[in-house]
């Protein structure tokens, strides 16, 4: 996956996380990968990205 494309995937996933606030990050990422036909091998990295974004959204603003 090209660097620019990878960054676009990450940003898109962050935005969708902010909108939907998934209860199960792993399932959310699996559905995202299947729907948008993302190259395999990034599932763990993208799941961590969603989990970090959820933590950031749930923590009080500083």
C-alpha atoms as a PDB file:
ATOM      1  CA  UNK A   1       0.000   0.000   0.000  1.00  0.00           C
ATOM      2  CA  UNK A   2       1.457   3.350  -0.962  1.00  0.00           C
ATOM      3  CA  UNK A   3       2.209   5.791   1.846  1.00  0.00           C
ATOM      4  CA  UNK A   4      -0.336   8.373   0.716  1.00  0.00           C
ATOM      5  CA  UNK A   5      -3.009   5.727   0.280  1.00  0.00           C
ATOM      6  CA  UNK A   6      -2.231   4.310   3.717  1.00  0.00           C
ATOM      7  CA  UNK A   7      -2.595   7.752   5.328  1.00  0.00           C
ATOM      8  CA  UNK A   8      -5.920   8.242   3.551  1.00  0.00           C
ATOM      9  CA  UNK A   9      -7.164   4.907   4.892  1.00  0.00           C
ATOM     10  CA  UNK A  10      -6.130   5.861   8.423  1.00  0.00           C
ATOM     11  CA  UNK A  11      -7.795   9.273   8.240  1.00  0.00           C
ATOM     12  CA  UNK A  12     -10.974   7.808   6.793  1.00  0.00           C
ATOM     13  CA  UNK A  13     -11.096   5.194   9.546  1.00  0.00           C
ATOM     14  CA  UNK A  14     -10.560   7.882  12.219  1.00  0.00           C
ATOM     15  CA  UNK A  15     -13.452   9.902  10.809  1.00  0.00           C
ATOM     16  CA  UNK A  16     -15.752   6.872  10.710  1.00  0.00           C
ATOM     17  CA  UNK A  17     -14.757   6.054  14.294  1.00  0.00           C
ATOM     18  CA  UNK A  18     -15.715   9.574  15.401  1.00  0.00           C
ATOM     19  CA  UNK A  19     -19.066   9.254  13.636  1.00  0.00           C
ATOM     20  CA  UNK A  20     -20.076   5.715  14.631  1.00  0.00           C
ATOM     21  CA  UNK A  21     -18.142   5.188  17.893  1.00  0.00           C
ATOM     22  CA  UNK A  22     -18.109   1.396  17.503  1.00  0.00           C
ATOM     23  CA  UNK A  23     -18.529  -0.878  20.536  1.00  0.00           C
ATOM     24  CA  UNK A  24     -16.338  -3.594  18.980  1.00  0.00           C
ATOM     25  CA  UNK A  25     -13.285  -2.061  17.237  1.00  0.00           C
ATOM     26  CA  UNK A  26     -12.120  -5.414  15.805  1.00  0.00           C
ATOM     27  CA  UNK A  27     -15.455  -6.112  14.092  1.00  0.00           C
ATOM     28  CA  UNK A  28     -15.648  -2.495  12.899  1.00  0.00           C
ATOM     29  CA  UNK A  29     -12.215  -2.802  11.247  1.00  0.00           C
ATOM     30  CA  UNK A  30     -13.068  -6.189   9.696  1.00  0.00           C
ATOM     31  CA  UNK A  31     -16.231  -4.725   8.173  1.00  0.00           C
ATOM     32  CA  UNK A  32     -14.280  -1.671   6.947  1.00  0.00           C
ATOM     33  CA  UNK A  33     -11.593  -3.844   5.333  1.00  0.00           C
ATOM     34  CA  UNK A  34     -14.214  -6.021   3.643  1.00  0.00           C
ATOM     35  CA  UNK A  35     -16.357  -3.101   2.451  1.00  0.00           C
ATOM     36  CA  UNK A  36     -13.513  -0.977   1.067  1.00  0.00           C
ATOM     37  CA  UNK A  37     -11.355  -3.912  -0.105  1.00  0.00           C
ATOM     38  CA  UNK A  38      -8.294  -2.885   1.872  1.00  0.00           C
ATOM     39  CA  UNK A  39      -5.153  -4.958   1.333  1.00  0.00           C
ATOM     40  CA  UNK A  40      -4.733  -7.644   3.993  1.00  0.00           C
ATOM     41  CA  UNK A  41      -2.164  -7.443   6.754  1.00  0.00           C
ATOM     42  CA  UNK A  42      -3.274  -4.114   8.195  1.00  0.00           C
ATOM     43  CA  UNK A  43      -6.103  -5.365  10.400  1.00  0.00           C
ATOM     44  CA  UNK A  44      -4.158  -5.273  13.689  1.00  0.00           C
ATOM     45  CA  UNK A  45      -2.681  -1.826  12.987  1.00  0.00           C
ATOM     46  CA  UNK A  46      -6.079  -0.389  12.017  1.00  0.00           C
ATOM     47  CA  UNK A  47      -7.749  -1.968  15.064  1.00  0.00           C
ATOM     48  CA  UNK A  48      -5.199  -0.242  17.313  1.00  0.00           C
ATOM     49  CA  UNK A  49      -5.872   3.015  15.492  1.00  0.00           C
ATOM     50  CA  UNK A  50      -9.628   2.706  16.173  1.00  0.00           C
ATOM     51  CA  UNK A  51      -9.031   1.783  19.833  1.00  0.00           C
ATOM     52  CA  UNK A  52      -6.738   4.814  20.324  1.00  0.00           C
ATOM     53  CA  UNK A  53      -9.254   7.107  18.661  1.00  0.00           C
ATOM     54  CA  UNK A  54     -12.047   5.804  20.918  1.00  0.00           C
ATOM     55  CA  UNK A  55      -9.910   6.401  24.019  1.00  0.00           C
ATOM     56  CA  UNK A  56      -9.152   9.910  22.807  1.00  0.00           C
ATOM     57  CA  UNK A  57     -12.866  10.588  22.213  1.00  0.00           C
ATOM     58  CA  UNK A  58     -13.844   9.262  25.636  1.00  0.00           C
ATOM     59  CA  UNK A  59     -11.210  11.135  27.609  1.00  0.00           C
ATOM     60  CA  UNK A  60     -12.047  14.602  28.906  1.00  0.00           C
ATOM     61  CA  UNK A  61     -10.616  17.461  26.876  1.00  0.00           C
ATOM     62  CA  UNK A  62      -7.538  18.950  28.461  1.00  0.00           C
END
